Amino acid sequence: MTKKEIVKQISEKLGLTQLKTKEIVQQTFDAIVETLLEVKRIELRNFGVFEVKLRKARKARNPRTGERVDVEPKFVVTFKPGKEMEEKVRKLDTGALAAVGAGGESDGNGAMGKAKPAAARKP
């Protein structure tokens, strides 16, 4: 689902114009980002917690060349779903698992499938 589809869905439910709804949705996203930059954590009850964490420096391997490379420490955003969301997701029909696949990857057309081996991916 895209932001545009979210805007359309909300505007239809609330009877607002898509333009006004898009502005509200964007302001909400902007407020989340600003809070993460300033406070490093935002807790949305019944939804989840976004948090900025420092990922330590590490050694990695370039899959193309096999060469060892140093990865610098960096900040990343983590998300931990709230209890209510977690429960709803767990109750999903297990038939949906077949559509997603184990650790699936989008083919760019919204379809999910198995991840392609590194050699088959485009650079």
C-alpha atoms as a PDB file:
ATOM      1  CA  MET A   1       0.000   0.000   0.000  1.00  0.00           C
ATOM      2  CA  THR A   2       1.264   3.465  -0.840  1.00  0.00           C
ATOM      3  CA  LYS A   3       0.807   6.812   0.870  1.00  0.00           C
ATOM      4  CA  LYS A   4      -1.556   7.792  -1.948  1.00  0.00           C
ATOM      5  CA  GLU A   5      -3.748   4.749  -1.242  1.00  0.00           C
ATOM      6  CA  ILE A   6      -3.763   5.524   2.488  1.00  0.00           C
ATOM      7  CA  VAL A   7      -4.823   9.103   1.734  1.00  0.00           C
ATOM      8  CA  LYS A   8      -7.633   7.898  -0.540  1.00  0.00           C
ATOM      9  CA  GLN A   9      -8.893   5.415   2.054  1.00  0.00           C
ATOM     10  CA  ILE A  10      -8.893   7.976   4.896  1.00  0.00           C
ATOM     11  CA  SER A  11     -10.484  10.713   2.773  1.00  0.00           C
ATOM     12  CA  GLU A  12     -13.339   8.374   1.804  1.00  0.00           C
ATOM     13  CA  LYS A  13     -13.928   7.329   5.433  1.00  0.00           C
ATOM     14  CA  LEU A  14     -13.886  10.878   6.796  1.00  0.00           C
ATOM     15  CA  GLY A  15     -15.488  12.692   3.866  1.00  0.00           C
ATOM     16  CA  LEU A  16     -12.509  15.030   3.444  1.00  0.00           C
ATOM     17  CA  THR A  17     -10.858  16.003   0.192  1.00  0.00           C
ATOM     18  CA  GLN A  18      -7.830  13.971  -0.798  1.00  0.00           C
ATOM     19  CA  LEU A  19      -5.767  17.166  -0.882  1.00  0.00           C
ATOM     20  CA  LYS A  20      -6.621  18.041   2.746  1.00  0.00           C
ATOM     21  CA  THR A  21      -6.155  14.418   3.848  1.00  0.00           C
ATOM     22  CA  LYS A  22      -2.757  14.232   2.111  1.00  0.00           C
ATOM     23  CA  GLU A  23      -1.671  17.347   4.006  1.00  0.00           C
ATOM     24  CA  ILE A  24      -2.762  15.808   7.332  1.00  0.00           C
ATOM     25  CA  VAL A  25      -1.031  12.493   6.602  1.00  0.00           C
ATOM     26  CA  GLN A  26       2.177  14.249   5.537  1.00  0.00           C
ATOM     27  CA  GLN A  27       2.136  16.466   8.639  1.00  0.00           C
ATOM     28  CA  THR A  28       1.735  13.332  10.769  1.00  0.00           C
ATOM     29  CA  PHE A  29       4.728  11.658   9.093  1.00  0.00           C
ATOM     30  CA  ASP A  30       6.769  14.863   9.414  1.00  0.00           C
ATOM     31  CA  ALA A  31       5.926  15.086  13.134  1.00  0.00           C
ATOM     32  CA  ILE A  32       7.079  11.483  13.659  1.00  0.00           C
ATOM     33  CA  VAL A  33      10.388  12.171  11.887  1.00  0.00           C
ATOM     34  CA  GLU A  34      10.973  15.429  13.782  1.00  0.00           C
ATOM     35  CA  THR A  35      10.287  13.705  17.107  1.00  0.00           C
ATOM     36  CA  LEU A  36      12.730  10.921  16.234  1.00  0.00           C
ATOM     37  CA  LEU A  37      15.409  13.478  15.364  1.00  0.00           C
ATOM     38  CA  GLU A  38      14.886  15.457  18.576  1.00  0.00           C
ATOM     39  CA  VAL A  39      13.866  12.891  21.178  1.00  0.00           C
ATOM     40  CA  LYS A  40      15.065   9.644  19.525  1.00  0.00           C
ATOM     41  CA  ARG A  41      11.851   7.807  20.541  1.00  0.00           C
ATOM     42  CA  ILE A  42       8.145   8.034  19.868  1.00  0.00           C
ATOM     43  CA  GLU A  43       5.535   5.785  21.429  1.00  0.00           C
ATOM     44  CA  LEU A  44       2.143   5.569  19.770  1.00  0.00           C
ATOM     45  CA  ARG A  45      -0.225   3.683  22.082  1.00  0.00           C
ATOM     46  CA  ASN A  46      -1.869   0.607  20.530  1.00  0.00           C
ATOM     47  CA  PHE A  47       0.392   1.011  17.491  1.00  0.00           C
ATOM     48  CA  GLY A  48       4.046   0.705  18.456  1.00  0.00           C
ATOM     49  CA  VAL A  49       7.331   2.360  19.310  1.00  0.00           C
ATOM     50  CA  PHE A  50       9.778   3.949  16.871  1.00  0.00           C
ATOM     51  CA  GLU A  51      13.258   4.405  18.288  1.00  0.00           C
ATOM     52  CA  VAL A  52      16.606   5.676  17.004  1.00  0.00           C
ATOM     53  CA  LYS A  53      19.443   3.330  17.948  1.00  0.00           C
ATOM     54  CA  LEU A  54      23.162   3.343  17.241  1.00  0.00           C
ATOM     55  CA  ARG A  55      24.313   0.308  15.286  1.00  0.00           C
ATOM     56  CA  LYS A  56      27.904  -0.523  16.215  1.00  0.00           C
ATOM     57  CA  ALA A  57      30.753  -0.639  13.732  1.00  0.00           C
ATOM     58  CA  ARG A  58      31.314  -4.126  12.335  1.00  0.00           C
ATOM     59  CA  LYS A  59      33.211  -6.184   9.822  1.00  0.00           C
ATOM     60  CA  ALA A  60      31.231  -7.312   6.775  1.00  0.00           C
ATOM     61  CA  ARG A  61      31.920  -9.023   3.487  1.00  0.00           C
ATOM     62  CA  ASN A  62      31.263  -7.691  -0.001  1.00  0.00           C
ATOM     63  CA  PRO A  63      29.117 -10.471  -1.516  1.00  0.00           C
ATOM     64  CA  ARG A  64      30.330  -9.683  -5.028  1.00  0.00           C
ATOM     65  CA  THR A  65      34.072  -9.822  -4.348  1.00  0.00           C
ATOM     66  CA  GLY A  66      34.282 -11.640  -1.017  1.00  0.00           C
ATOM     67  CA  GLU A  67      36.474  -8.791   0.269  1.00  0.00           C
ATOM     68  CA  ARG A  68      36.208  -7.911   3.985  1.00  0.00           C
ATOM     69  CA  VAL A  69      35.015  -4.355   4.571  1.00  0.00           C
ATOM     70  CA  ASP A  70      34.602  -2.164   7.639  1.00  0.00           C
ATOM     71  CA  VAL A  71      31.090  -0.857   8.219  1.00  0.00           C
ATOM     72  CA  GLU A  72      30.998   2.414  10.137  1.00  0.00           C
ATOM     73  CA  PRO A  73      28.675   2.857  13.123  1.00  0.00           C
ATOM     74  CA  LYS A  74      25.387   4.433  12.132  1.00  0.00           C
ATOM     75  CA  PHE A  75      22.027   5.444  13.495  1.00  0.00           C
ATOM     76  CA  VAL A  76      19.034   3.332  12.463  1.00  0.00           C
ATOM     77  CA  VAL A  77      15.308   3.530  13.165  1.00  0.00           C
ATOM     78  CA  THR A  78      13.754   0.501  14.807  1.00  0.00           C
ATOM     79  CA  PHE A  79      10.063  -0.300  15.218  1.00  0.00           C
ATOM     80  CA  LYS A  80       8.472  -2.522  17.823  1.00  0.00           C
ATOM     81  CA  PRO A  81       4.769  -3.117  17.208  1.00  0.00           C
ATOM     82  CA  GLY A  82       2.301  -2.527  20.013  1.00  0.00           C
ATOM     83  CA  LYS A  83       0.398  -5.340  21.680  1.00  0.00           C
ATOM     84  CA  GLU A  84      -2.818  -4.676  19.763  1.00  0.00           C
ATOM     85  CA  MET A  85      -1.085  -4.688  16.367  1.00  0.00           C
ATOM     86  CA  GLU A  86       0.918  -7.778  17.295  1.00  0.00           C
ATOM     87  CA  GLU A  87      -2.263  -9.677  18.206  1.00  0.00           C
ATOM     88  CA  LYS A  88      -4.063  -8.694  14.996  1.00  0.00           C
ATOM     89  CA  VAL A  89      -1.105  -9.736  12.833  1.00  0.00           C
ATOM     90  CA  ARG A  90      -0.842 -13.087  14.596  1.00  0.00           C
ATOM     91  CA  LYS A  91      -4.502 -13.776  13.843  1.00  0.00           C
ATOM     92  CA  LEU A  92      -3.944 -13.402  10.085  1.00  0.00           C
ATOM     93  CA  ASP A  93      -5.060 -16.370   8.020  1.00  0.00           C
ATOM     94  CA  THR A  94      -2.098 -18.712   7.582  1.00  0.00           C
ATOM     95  CA  GLY A  95      -3.018 -18.961   3.881  1.00  0.00           C
ATOM     96  CA  ALA A  96      -1.548 -15.474   3.598  1.00  0.00           C
ATOM     97  CA  LEU A  97       1.866 -16.984   4.374  1.00  0.00           C
ATOM     98  CA  ALA A  98       1.889 -18.781   1.026  1.00  0.00           C
ATOM     99  CA  ALA A  99       1.338 -15.467  -0.777  1.00  0.00           C
ATOM    100  CA  VAL A 100       4.182 -13.768   1.066  1.00  0.00           C
ATOM    101  CA  GLY A 101       6.602 -16.690   1.044  1.00  0.00           C
ATOM    102  CA  ALA A 102       9.313 -17.325   3.573  1.00  0.00           C
ATOM    103  CA  GLY A 103      11.319 -14.095   3.754  1.00  0.00           C
ATOM    104  CA  GLY A 104       9.835 -13.009   0.429  1.00  0.00           C
ATOM    105  CA  GLU A 105      10.972 -10.128  -1.696  1.00  0.00           C
ATOM    106  CA  SER A 106       8.814  -7.936  -3.908  1.00  0.00           C
ATOM    107  CA  ASP A 107       9.250  -8.354  -7.631  1.00  0.00           C
ATOM    108  CA  GLY A 108       8.552  -4.658  -8.116  1.00  0.00           C
ATOM    109  CA  ASN A 109       4.961  -5.312  -9.195  1.00  0.00           C
ATOM    110  CA  GLY A 110       3.662  -5.868  -5.690  1.00  0.00           C
ATOM    111  CA  ALA A 111       4.028  -9.648  -5.900  1.00  0.00           C
ATOM    112  CA  MET A 112       6.046 -11.377  -3.241  1.00  0.00           C
ATOM    113  CA  GLY A 113       8.294 -14.351  -3.750  1.00  0.00           C
ATOM    114  CA  LYS A 114      11.559 -15.878  -2.694  1.00  0.00           C
ATOM    115  CA  ALA A 115      14.616 -13.643  -2.664  1.00  0.00           C
ATOM    116  CA  LYS A 116      16.782 -13.984  -5.751  1.00  0.00           C
ATOM    117  CA  PRO A 117      20.322 -15.287  -5.309  1.00  0.00           C
ATOM    118  CA  ALA A 118      22.973 -12.551  -5.400  1.00  0.00           C
ATOM    119  CA  ALA A 119      24.205 -13.677  -8.828  1.00  0.00           C
ATOM    120  CA  ALA A 120      20.715 -13.253 -10.321  1.00  0.00           C
ATOM    121  CA  ARG A 121      20.191  -9.699  -8.993  1.00  0.00           C
ATOM    122  CA  LYS A 122      20.900  -6.693 -11.153  1.00  0.00           C
ATOM    123  CA  PRO A 123      23.779  -4.508  -9.864  1.00  0.00           C
END
